[in-house]
Amino acid sequence: MATQVIWSGDDQKGFYTSHLVTGSGRYTQNGHYGPANGRTFVSRTVADCMIHRNKIYREWVVSDQMAVVQ
Protein backbone atom coordinates (compact mmCIF):
# COMPACT_ATOMS: atom_id res chain seq x y z
CA MET A 1 0.00 0.00 0.00
CA ALA A 2 1.30 3.48 -0.85
CA THR A 3 1.73 5.07 2.58
CA GLN A 4 3.26 8.34 1.38
CA VAL A 5 2.57 10.02 -1.98
CA ILE A 6 3.76 13.41 -3.17
CA TRP A 7 3.19 14.91 -6.59
CA SER A 8 3.43 18.07 -8.63
CA GLY A 9 2.49 19.17 -12.12
CA ASP A 10 -0.53 19.77 -14.30
CA ASP A 11 -2.30 18.45 -17.41
CA GLN A 12 -0.20 20.63 -19.72
CA LYS A 13 3.33 19.93 -18.46
CA GLY A 14 2.72 16.48 -17.01
CA PHE A 15 3.20 15.17 -13.50
CA TYR A 16 6.00 13.97 -11.27
CA THR A 17 5.03 11.60 -8.46
CA SER A 18 6.90 9.86 -5.69
CA HIS A 19 5.45 6.95 -3.70
CA LEU A 20 6.61 5.11 -0.61
CA VAL A 21 5.03 1.68 -0.73
CA THR A 22 5.03 -0.60 2.31
CA GLY A 23 4.31 -4.29 1.87
CA SER A 24 4.46 -7.39 4.02
CA GLY A 25 4.67 -11.08 3.36
CA ARG A 26 5.96 -14.45 4.45
CA TYR A 27 8.83 -16.29 2.74
CA THR A 28 7.14 -19.66 2.13
CA GLN A 29 8.63 -20.97 -1.12
CA ASN A 30 12.17 -21.76 -2.18
CA GLY A 31 13.49 -19.00 -4.40
CA HIS A 32 16.29 -16.58 -5.21
CA TYR A 33 16.97 -16.01 -1.51
CA GLY A 34 17.36 -19.67 -0.58
CA PRO A 35 15.06 -22.25 0.96
CA ALA A 36 11.75 -21.21 2.46
CA ASN A 37 11.98 -20.30 6.13
CA GLY A 38 8.43 -19.16 6.91
CA ARG A 39 9.56 -15.81 8.32
CA THR A 40 7.42 -12.73 7.89
CA PHE A 41 8.88 -9.52 6.50
CA VAL A 42 7.97 -5.90 5.89
CA SER A 43 9.62 -4.27 2.89
CA ARG A 44 9.58 -0.76 1.50
CA THR A 45 9.75 0.42 -2.09
CA VAL A 46 10.19 3.92 -3.46
CA ALA A 47 8.85 4.68 -6.95
CA ASP A 48 9.36 8.01 -8.72
CA CYS A 49 7.30 8.45 -11.88
CA MET A 50 7.13 10.99 -14.69
CA ILE A 51 3.72 11.07 -16.36
CA HIS A 52 2.49 12.81 -19.52
CA ARG A 53 -0.92 12.38 -21.17
CA ASN A 54 -1.88 9.82 -18.51
CA LYS A 55 1.05 7.53 -19.33
CA ILE A 56 4.10 6.84 -17.20
CA TYR A 57 7.05 7.47 -19.50
CA ARG A 58 9.85 7.24 -16.95
CA GLU A 59 9.99 5.35 -13.66
CA TRP A 60 12.72 4.83 -11.08
CA VAL A 61 12.15 2.09 -8.48
CA VAL A 62 14.21 1.04 -5.46
CA SER A 63 13.06 -1.93 -3.43
CA ASP A 64 14.23 -3.23 -0.04
CA GLN A 65 15.14 -6.82 -0.93
CA MET A 66 17.17 -7.27 2.28
CA ALA A 67 13.89 -7.35 4.21
CA VAL A 68 13.20 -10.74 2.62
CA VAL A 69 16.73 -12.07 3.15
CA GLN A 70 17.12 -11.18 6.83
PDB file of N, CA and C in Angstrom:
ATOM      1  N   MET A   1       0.844  -1.162   0.000  1.00  0.00           N
ATOM      2  CA  MET A   1       0.000   0.000   0.000  1.00  0.00           C
ATOM      3  C   MET A   1       0.897   1.236   0.000  1.00  0.00           C
ATOM      4  N   ALA A   2       0.549   2.223  -0.822  1.00  0.00           N
ATOM      5  CA  ALA A   2       1.303   3.477  -0.848  1.00  0.00           C
ATOM      6  C   ALA A   2       0.974   4.257   0.420  1.00  0.00           C
ATOM      7  N   THR A   3       1.960   4.388   1.303  1.00  0.00           N
ATOM      8  CA  THR A   3       1.730   5.068   2.577  1.00  0.00           C
ATOM      9  C   THR A   3       2.070   6.548   2.510  1.00  0.00           C
ATOM     10  N   GLN A   4       2.892   6.937   1.557  1.00  0.00           N
ATOM     11  CA  GLN A   4       3.263   8.341   1.378  1.00  0.00           C
ATOM     12  C   GLN A   4       3.280   8.619  -0.121  1.00  0.00           C
ATOM     13  N   VAL A   5       2.575   9.636  -0.567  1.00  0.00           N
ATOM     14  CA  VAL A   5       2.569  10.016  -1.980  1.00  0.00           C
ATOM     15  C   VAL A   5       2.705  11.533  -2.068  1.00  0.00           C
ATOM     16  N   ILE A   6       3.662  11.988  -2.875  1.00  0.00           N
ATOM     17  CA  ILE A   6       3.761  13.412  -3.166  1.00  0.00           C
ATOM     18  C   ILE A   6       3.738  13.566  -4.681  1.00  0.00           C
ATOM     19  N   TRP A   7       3.252  14.691  -5.153  1.00  0.00           N
ATOM     20  CA  TRP A   7       3.188  14.909  -6.594  1.00  0.00           C
ATOM     21  C   TRP A   7       3.184  16.393  -6.895  1.00  0.00           C
ATOM     22  N   SER A   8       3.534  16.702  -8.134  1.00  0.00           N
ATOM     23  CA  SER A   8       3.431  18.071  -8.627  1.00  0.00           C
ATOM     24  C   SER A   8       3.181  18.007 -10.125  1.00  0.00           C
ATOM     25  N   GLY A   9       2.702  19.104 -10.687  1.00  0.00           N
ATOM     26  CA  GLY A   9       2.487  19.172 -12.121  1.00  0.00           C
ATOM     27  C   GLY A   9       1.065  19.534 -12.478  1.00  0.00           C
ATOM     28  N   ASP A  10       0.801  19.473 -13.785  1.00  0.00           N
ATOM     29  CA  ASP A  10      -0.532  19.770 -14.298  1.00  0.00           C
ATOM     30  C   ASP A  10      -0.751  19.029 -15.620  1.00  0.00           C
ATOM     31  N   ASP A  11      -1.961  19.161 -16.176  1.00  0.00           N
ATOM     32  CA  ASP A  11      -2.303  18.452 -17.413  1.00  0.00           C
ATOM     33  C   ASP A  11      -1.458  18.893 -18.606  1.00  0.00           C
ATOM     34  N   GLN A  12      -0.984  20.115 -18.592  1.00  0.00           N
ATOM     35  CA  GLN A  12      -0.204  20.633 -19.718  1.00  0.00           C
ATOM     36  C   GLN A  12       1.241  20.139 -19.696  1.00  0.00           C
ATOM     37  N   LYS A  13       1.902  20.267 -18.565  1.00  0.00           N
ATOM     38  CA  LYS A  13       3.326  19.925 -18.458  1.00  0.00           C
ATOM     39  C   LYS A  13       3.570  18.478 -18.055  1.00  0.00           C
ATOM     40  N   GLY A  14       2.558  17.835 -17.525  1.00  0.00           N
ATOM     41  CA  GLY A  14       2.725  16.480 -17.011  1.00  0.00           C
ATOM     42  C   GLY A  14       2.900  16.488 -15.504  1.00  0.00           C
ATOM     43  N   PHE A  15       3.118  15.316 -14.948  1.00  0.00           N
ATOM     44  CA  PHE A  15       3.195  15.166 -13.500  1.00  0.00           C
ATOM     45  C   PHE A  15       4.456  14.417 -13.100  1.00  0.00           C
ATOM     46  N   TYR A  16       4.920  14.714 -11.909  1.00  0.00           N
ATOM     47  CA  TYR A  16       5.998  13.969 -11.268  1.00  0.00           C
ATOM     48  C   TYR A  16       5.425  13.463  -9.956  1.00  0.00           C
ATOM     49  N   THR A  17       5.543  12.164  -9.703  1.00  0.00           N
ATOM     50  CA  THR A  17       5.026  11.598  -8.460  1.00  0.00           C
ATOM     51  C   THR A  17       6.105  10.775  -7.767  1.00  0.00           C
ATOM     52  N   SER A  18       6.009  10.708  -6.473  1.00  0.00           N
ATOM     53  CA  SER A  18       6.903   9.863  -5.689  1.00  0.00           C
ATOM     54  C   SER A  18       6.059   9.121  -4.662  1.00  0.00           C
ATOM     55  N   HIS A  19       6.260   7.797  -4.584  1.00  0.00           N
ATOM     56  CA  HIS A  19       5.455   6.953  -3.699  1.00  0.00           C
ATOM     57  C   HIS A  19       6.364   6.153  -2.784  1.00  0.00           C
ATOM     58  N   LEU A  20       6.000   6.064  -1.533  1.00  0.00           N
ATOM     59  CA  LEU A  20       6.614   5.114  -0.610  1.00  0.00           C
ATOM     60  C   LEU A  20       5.586   4.016  -0.400  1.00  0.00           C
ATOM     61  N   VAL A  21       5.938   2.815  -0.818  1.00  0.00           N
ATOM     62  CA  VAL A  21       5.027   1.676  -0.734  1.00  0.00           C
ATOM     63  C   VAL A  21       5.535   0.726   0.343  1.00  0.00           C
ATOM     64  N   THR A  22       4.678   0.338   1.253  1.00  0.00           N
ATOM     65  CA  THR A  22       5.032  -0.603   2.307  1.00  0.00           C
ATOM     66  C   THR A  22       4.244  -1.887   2.087  1.00  0.00           C
ATOM     67  N   GLY A  23       4.960  -3.001   2.072  1.00  0.00           N
ATOM     68  CA  GLY A  23       4.307  -4.292   1.874  1.00  0.00           C
ATOM     69  C   GLY A  23       4.802  -5.303   2.888  1.00  0.00           C
ATOM     70  N   SER A  24       4.047  -6.335   3.090  1.00  0.00           N
ATOM     71  CA  SER A  24       4.460  -7.387   4.017  1.00  0.00           C
ATOM     72  C   SER A  24       4.177  -8.743   3.386  1.00  0.00           C
ATOM     73  N   GLY A  25       4.860  -9.742   3.890  1.00  0.00           N
ATOM     74  CA  GLY A  25       4.667 -11.084   3.364  1.00  0.00           C
ATOM     75  C   GLY A  25       5.332 -12.119   4.244  1.00  0.00           C
ATOM     76  N   ARG A  26       5.333 -13.332   3.753  1.00  0.00           N
ATOM     77  CA  ARG A  26       5.959 -14.451   4.453  1.00  0.00           C
ATOM     78  C   ARG A  26       6.729 -15.243   3.405  1.00  0.00           C
ATOM     79  N   TYR A  27       7.983 -15.561   3.691  1.00  0.00           N
ATOM     80  CA  TYR A  27       8.828 -16.285   2.739  1.00  0.00           C
ATOM     81  C   TYR A  27       8.528 -17.776   2.863  1.00  0.00           C
ATOM     82  N   THR A  28       7.642 -18.286   1.986  1.00  0.00           N
ATOM     83  CA  THR A  28       7.140 -19.657   2.134  1.00  0.00           C
ATOM     84  C   THR A  28       7.544 -20.604   1.014  1.00  0.00           C
ATOM     85  N   GLN A  29       8.220 -20.098  -0.010  1.00  0.00           N
ATOM     86  CA  GLN A  29       8.629 -20.971  -1.118  1.00  0.00           C
ATOM     87  C   GLN A  29      10.110 -20.785  -1.404  1.00  0.00           C
ATOM     88  N   ASN A  30      10.762 -21.856  -1.795  1.00  0.00           N
ATOM     89  CA  ASN A  30      12.167 -21.755  -2.178  1.00  0.00           C
ATOM     90  C   ASN A  30      12.289 -20.791  -3.350  1.00  0.00           C
ATOM     91  N   GLY A  31      13.352 -19.994  -3.341  1.00  0.00           N
ATOM     92  CA  GLY A  31      13.491 -19.003  -4.404  1.00  0.00           C
ATOM     93  C   GLY A  31      14.891 -18.440  -4.477  1.00  0.00           C
ATOM     94  N   HIS A  32      14.994 -17.242  -5.013  1.00  0.00           N
ATOM     95  CA  HIS A  32      16.286 -16.577  -5.207  1.00  0.00           C
ATOM     96  C   HIS A  32      17.047 -16.384  -3.894  1.00  0.00           C
ATOM     97  N   TYR A  33      16.344 -16.298  -2.802  1.00  0.00           N
ATOM     98  CA  TYR A  33      16.972 -16.013  -1.510  1.00  0.00           C
ATOM     99  C   TYR A  33      17.190 -17.263  -0.670  1.00  0.00           C
ATOM    100  N   GLY A  34      17.099 -18.423  -1.292  1.00  0.00           N
ATOM    101  CA  GLY A  34      17.359 -19.666  -0.584  1.00  0.00           C
ATOM    102  C   GLY A  34      16.088 -20.420  -0.251  1.00  0.00           C
ATOM    103  N   PRO A  35      16.229 -21.435   0.612  1.00  0.00           N
ATOM    104  CA  PRO A  35      15.063 -22.246   0.963  1.00  0.00           C
ATOM    105  C   PRO A  35      14.053 -21.454   1.801  1.00  0.00           C
ATOM    106  N   ALA A  36      12.814 -21.859   1.687  1.00  0.00           N
ATOM    107  CA  ALA A  36      11.750 -21.211   2.459  1.00  0.00           C
ATOM    108  C   ALA A  36      12.037 -21.340   3.946  1.00  0.00           C
ATOM    109  N   ASN A  37      11.760 -20.252   4.684  1.00  0.00           N
ATOM    110  CA  ASN A  37      11.983 -20.300   6.128  1.00  0.00           C
ATOM    111  C   ASN A  37      10.741 -19.899   6.920  1.00  0.00           C
ATOM    112  N   GLY A  38       9.676 -19.488   6.236  1.00  0.00           N
ATOM    113  CA  GLY A  38       8.429 -19.159   6.914  1.00  0.00           C
ATOM    114  C   GLY A  38       8.415 -17.833   7.641  1.00  0.00           C
ATOM    115  N   ARG A  39       9.508 -17.090   7.606  1.00  0.00           N
ATOM    116  CA  ARG A  39       9.560 -15.810   8.319  1.00  0.00           C
ATOM    117  C   ARG A  39       8.718 -14.739   7.629  1.00  0.00           C
ATOM    118  N   THR A  40       8.145 -13.875   8.438  1.00  0.00           N
ATOM    119  CA  THR A  40       7.424 -12.727   7.889  1.00  0.00           C
ATOM    120  C   THR A  40       8.412 -11.591   7.649  1.00  0.00           C
ATOM    121  N   PHE A  41       8.034 -10.679   6.768  1.00  0.00           N
ATOM    122  CA  PHE A  41       8.885  -9.522   6.500  1.00  0.00           C
ATOM    123  C   PHE A  41       8.013  -8.328   6.133  1.00  0.00           C
ATOM    124  N   VAL A  42       8.571  -7.158   6.337  1.00  0.00           N
ATOM    125  CA  VAL A  42       7.975  -5.904   5.885  1.00  0.00           C
ATOM    126  C   VAL A  42       9.025  -5.239   5.011  1.00  0.00           C
ATOM    127  N   SER A  43       8.669  -4.914   3.788  1.00  0.00           N
ATOM    128  CA  SER A  43       9.619  -4.270   2.888  1.00  0.00           C
ATOM    129  C   SER A  43       9.060  -2.938   2.406  1.00  0.00           C
ATOM    130  N   ARG A  44       9.971  -2.079   1.990  1.00  0.00           N
ATOM    131  CA  ARG A  44       9.584  -0.760   1.497  1.00  0.00           C
ATOM    132  C   ARG A  44      10.131  -0.562   0.090  1.00  0.00           C
ATOM    133  N   THR A  45       9.363   0.111  -0.720  1.00  0.00           N
ATOM    134  CA  THR A  45       9.752   0.419  -2.093  1.00  0.00           C
ATOM    135  C   THR A  45       9.468   1.889  -2.352  1.00  0.00           C
ATOM    136  N   VAL A  46      10.392   2.546  -3.031  1.00  0.00           N
ATOM    137  CA  VAL A  46      10.190   3.924  -3.463  1.00  0.00           C
ATOM    138  C   VAL A  46      10.070   3.914  -4.978  1.00  0.00           C
ATOM    139  N   ALA A  47       9.042   4.566  -5.501  1.00  0.00           N
ATOM    140  CA  ALA A  47       8.852   4.683  -6.946  1.00  0.00           C
ATOM    141  C   ALA A  47       8.653   6.153  -7.300  1.00  0.00           C
ATOM    142  N   ASP A  48       9.499   6.657  -8.182  1.00  0.00           N
ATOM    143  CA  ASP A  48       9.357   8.012  -8.717  1.00  0.00           C
ATOM    144  C   ASP A  48       8.918   7.883 -10.167  1.00  0.00           C
ATOM    145  N   CYS A  49       7.868   8.590 -10.535  1.00  0.00           N
ATOM    146  CA  CYS A  49       7.297   8.448 -11.881  1.00  0.00           C
ATOM    147  C   CYS A  49       7.147   9.808 -12.553  1.00  0.00           C
ATOM    148  N   MET A  50       7.402   9.822 -13.851  1.00  0.00           N
ATOM    149  CA  MET A  50       7.125  10.988 -14.686  1.00  0.00           C
ATOM    150  C   MET A  50       5.987  10.593 -15.627  1.00  0.00           C
ATOM    151  N   ILE A  51       4.950  11.422 -15.663  1.00  0.00           N
ATOM    152  CA  ILE A  51       3.715  11.074 -16.361  1.00  0.00           C
ATOM    153  C   ILE A  51       3.347  12.198 -17.328  1.00  0.00           C
ATOM    154  N   HIS A  52       2.979  11.832 -18.547  1.00  0.00           N
ATOM    155  CA  HIS A  52       2.487  12.805 -19.518  1.00  0.00           C
ATOM    156  C   HIS A  52       1.359  12.161 -20.312  1.00  0.00           C
ATOM    157  N   ARG A  53       0.270  12.882 -20.477  1.00  0.00           N
ATOM    158  CA  ARG A  53      -0.919  12.379 -21.170  1.00  0.00           C
ATOM    159  C   ARG A  53      -1.395  11.048 -20.582  1.00  0.00           C
ATOM    160  N   ASN A  54      -1.399  10.986 -19.263  1.00  0.00           N
ATOM    161  CA  ASN A  54      -1.879   9.818 -18.509  1.00  0.00           C
ATOM    162  C   ASN A  54      -1.064   8.549 -18.730  1.00  0.00           C
ATOM    163  N   LYS A  55       0.176   8.694 -19.155  1.00  0.00           N
ATOM    164  CA  LYS A  55       1.054   7.535 -19.325  1.00  0.00           C
ATOM    165  C   LYS A  55       2.364   7.776 -18.587  1.00  0.00           C
ATOM    166  N   ILE A  56       2.793   6.762 -17.850  1.00  0.00           N
ATOM    167  CA  ILE A  56       4.103   6.837 -17.200  1.00  0.00           C
ATOM    168  C   ILE A  56       5.151   6.624 -18.284  1.00  0.00           C
ATOM    169  N   TYR A  57       6.021   7.616 -18.481  1.00  0.00           N
ATOM    170  CA  TYR A  57       7.054   7.470 -19.504  1.00  0.00           C
ATOM    171  C   TYR A  57       8.447   7.295 -18.905  1.00  0.00           C
ATOM    172  N   ARG A  58       8.584   7.503 -17.627  1.00  0.00           N
ATOM    173  CA  ARG A  58       9.852   7.239 -16.951  1.00  0.00           C
ATOM    174  C   ARG A  58       9.545   6.862 -15.508  1.00  0.00           C
ATOM    175  N   GLU A  59      10.216   5.807 -15.036  1.00  0.00           N
ATOM    176  CA  GLU A  59       9.988   5.351 -13.663  1.00  0.00           C
ATOM    177  C   GLU A  59      11.305   4.879 -13.071  1.00  0.00           C
ATOM    178  N   TRP A  60      11.537   5.241 -11.825  1.00  0.00           N
ATOM    179  CA  TRP A  60      12.722   4.832 -11.083  1.00  0.00           C
ATOM    180  C   TRP A  60      12.210   4.126  -9.827  1.00  0.00           C
ATOM    181  N   VAL A  61      12.660   2.889  -9.599  1.00  0.00           N
ATOM    182  CA  VAL A  61      12.150   2.090  -8.483  1.00  0.00           C
ATOM    183  C   VAL A  61      13.318   1.523  -7.686  1.00  0.00           C
ATOM    184  N   VAL A  62      13.249   1.662  -6.374  1.00  0.00           N
ATOM    185  CA  VAL A  62      14.212   1.043  -5.465  1.00  0.00           C
ATOM    186  C   VAL A  62      13.417   0.234  -4.456  1.00  0.00           C
ATOM    187  N   SER A  63      13.801  -1.031  -4.300  1.00  0.00           N
ATOM    188  CA  SER A  63      13.058  -1.933  -3.427  1.00  0.00           C
ATOM    189  C   SER A  63      13.982  -2.523  -2.365  1.00  0.00           C
ATOM    190  N   ASP A  64      13.478  -2.688  -1.169  1.00  0.00           N
ATOM    191  CA  ASP A  64      14.234  -3.228  -0.035  1.00  0.00           C
ATOM    192  C   ASP A  64      14.201  -4.753  -0.070  1.00  0.00           C
ATOM    193  N   GLN A  65      15.082  -5.363  -0.836  1.00  0.00           N
ATOM    194  CA  GLN A  65      15.138  -6.822  -0.935  1.00  0.00           C
ATOM    195  C   GLN A  65      15.767  -7.465   0.301  1.00  0.00           C
ATOM    196  N   MET A  66      16.560  -6.721   1.057  1.00  0.00           N
ATOM    197  CA  MET A  66      17.168  -7.274   2.276  1.00  0.00           C
ATOM    198  C   MET A  66      16.120  -7.636   3.317  1.00  0.00           C
ATOM    199  N   ALA A  67      14.960  -7.006   3.257  1.00  0.00           N
ATOM    200  CA  ALA A  67      13.893  -7.347   4.206  1.00  0.00           C
ATOM    201  C   ALA A  67      13.493  -8.808   4.066  1.00  0.00           C
ATOM    202  N   VAL A  68      13.554  -9.340   2.855  1.00  0.00           N
ATOM    203  CA  VAL A  68      13.202 -10.742   2.618  1.00  0.00           C
ATOM    204  C   VAL A  68      14.327 -11.653   3.086  1.00  0.00           C
ATOM    205  N   VAL A  69      15.560 -11.241   2.855  1.00  0.00           N
ATOM    206  CA  VAL A  69      16.727 -12.074   3.154  1.00  0.00           C
ATOM    207  C   VAL A  69      16.956 -12.221   4.651  1.00  0.00           C
ATOM    208  N   GLN A  70      16.769 -11.154   5.403  1.00  0.00           N
ATOM    209  CA  GLN A  70      17.121 -11.182   6.832  1.00  0.00           C
ATOM    210  C   GLN A  70      16.228 -12.067   7.621  1.00  0.00           C
TER     211      GLN A  70
END
